[in-house]
Amino acid sequence: MTTLTRKRCLHLVTALLLGATLTLHSGCLVLAAGAGAGTVAFIRGELESTLSAKYDPAVRASERALDQLKFARISTKTDALVTVLVARTADDKRIEIKVSTVGEGVTKVQIRVGIFGDEALSLRILERIKAAL
């Protein structure tokens, strides 16, 4: 298989997966940007972003973001591939940040605030995480 054919197959598979994902998620897709690192989407109350950052720095940036926003950290569960940070706001909203490794130098960050999600606060947390990288 030539390199050009391989690239076309990869683009086709990516487009099909993206189409299938959007079809299966009938929830609210508020914002999305391109494919690959730097994408952001708010779906069914959860903000998801793919960052161009290694796993450990992304975890530390997420911890710093919670500290800078003065949220009370409740728990941290971590292994080599996934870290889940749980915190609470002053008005007792639960915040969960899940950082997972996607590949070399790419991580996925998922943020949920409360039961139904809070897009504005989730975006604010994400911006703090990006600033801390």
Foldseek 3Di string as FASTA:
>chain_A
DDPVVVVVVVVVVVVVVVVVVPVVQPFDWPDFDDDDAATWTQGQQKIKHKHQADQVLLVVLLVVLCVVLPWAWDDWDDDPFKIWTWTADPVGWIKIWIWGDDDVRMIMIMIGTHDRHDVVVNVSSVVSSVVSD
